[in-house]
């Protein structure tokens, strides 16, 4: 097979959801210094894992419902 090899880019950690929750915004916008849907597509990202922060009051099994 000739030409440019095709690789899937996978980003395994992203904190942007916390920023969107606390400061507002959308993945459709183009914020300074964070990712958005345009940049994911332009960068060829095929998979994105988002970090979820729950804070100290949410322990053990109570943390999952708080971030969902």
Protein backbone atom coordinates (compact mmCIF):
# COMPACT_ATOMS: atom_id res chain seq x y z
CA UNK A 1 0.00 0.00 0.00
CA UNK A 2 1.52 3.30 -1.08
CA UNK A 3 0.94 6.73 0.30
CA UNK A 4 0.62 8.14 3.76
CA UNK A 5 0.00 5.53 6.50
CA UNK A 6 -3.27 5.87 8.37
CA UNK A 7 -3.19 5.84 12.16
CA UNK A 8 -5.93 6.51 14.68
CA UNK A 9 -5.03 9.22 17.19
CA UNK A 10 -6.27 8.42 20.71
CA UNK A 11 -6.18 11.08 23.45
CA UNK A 12 -6.38 9.28 26.80
CA UNK A 13 -7.03 12.27 29.10
CA UNK A 14 -8.95 15.51 28.72
CA UNK A 15 -10.25 17.88 31.43
CA UNK A 16 -12.44 20.04 29.18
CA UNK A 17 -15.77 18.68 30.53
CA UNK A 18 -15.01 20.09 33.99
CA UNK A 19 -14.25 23.49 32.45
CA UNK A 20 -17.47 23.41 30.42
CA UNK A 21 -19.48 22.51 33.54
CA UNK A 22 -17.95 25.21 35.76
CA UNK A 23 -17.41 28.04 33.24
CA UNK A 24 -20.00 27.20 30.62
CA UNK A 25 -19.47 26.75 26.92
CA UNK A 26 -19.82 24.01 24.35
CA UNK A 27 -17.62 21.59 22.43
CA UNK A 28 -18.99 23.29 19.31
CA UNK A 29 -17.27 26.58 20.28
CA UNK A 30 -13.54 27.30 19.86
CA UNK A 31 -12.22 28.16 23.35
CA UNK A 32 -8.64 29.31 23.95
CA UNK A 33 -6.28 26.47 24.83
CA UNK A 34 -8.82 23.66 25.08
CA UNK A 35 -10.20 21.19 22.62
CA UNK A 36 -13.39 21.42 20.60
CA UNK A 37 -15.06 19.31 17.94
CA UNK A 38 -13.34 21.22 15.12
CA UNK A 39 -9.87 20.57 16.56
CA UNK A 40 -10.63 16.91 17.25
CA UNK A 41 -11.63 16.39 13.62
CA UNK A 42 -8.76 18.49 12.22
CA UNK A 43 -6.26 16.56 14.35
CA UNK A 44 -7.56 13.19 13.22
CA UNK A 45 -8.55 12.13 16.73
CA UNK A 46 -10.46 8.87 16.48
CA UNK A 47 -11.07 8.35 20.20
CA UNK A 48 -11.20 10.77 23.14
CA UNK A 49 -11.31 9.86 26.83
CA UNK A 50 -12.67 12.57 29.13
CA UNK A 51 -11.59 12.90 32.77
CA UNK A 52 -14.41 13.32 35.30
CA UNK A 53 -13.81 15.09 38.62
CA UNK A 54 -16.21 14.45 41.51
CA UNK A 55 -14.64 16.26 44.48
CA UNK A 56 -14.14 15.08 48.06
CA UNK A 57 -17.83 14.92 49.13
CA UNK A 58 -18.53 12.16 46.61
CA UNK A 59 -16.91 8.92 47.71
CA UNK A 60 -16.93 5.38 46.35
CA UNK A 61 -20.13 4.41 44.53
CA UNK A 62 -21.77 7.83 45.06
CA UNK A 63 -19.25 9.46 42.71
CA UNK A 64 -20.54 7.88 39.50
CA UNK A 65 -24.10 9.30 39.67
CA UNK A 66 -22.71 12.76 40.49
CA UNK A 67 -20.74 12.97 37.22
CA UNK A 68 -23.42 11.42 35.05
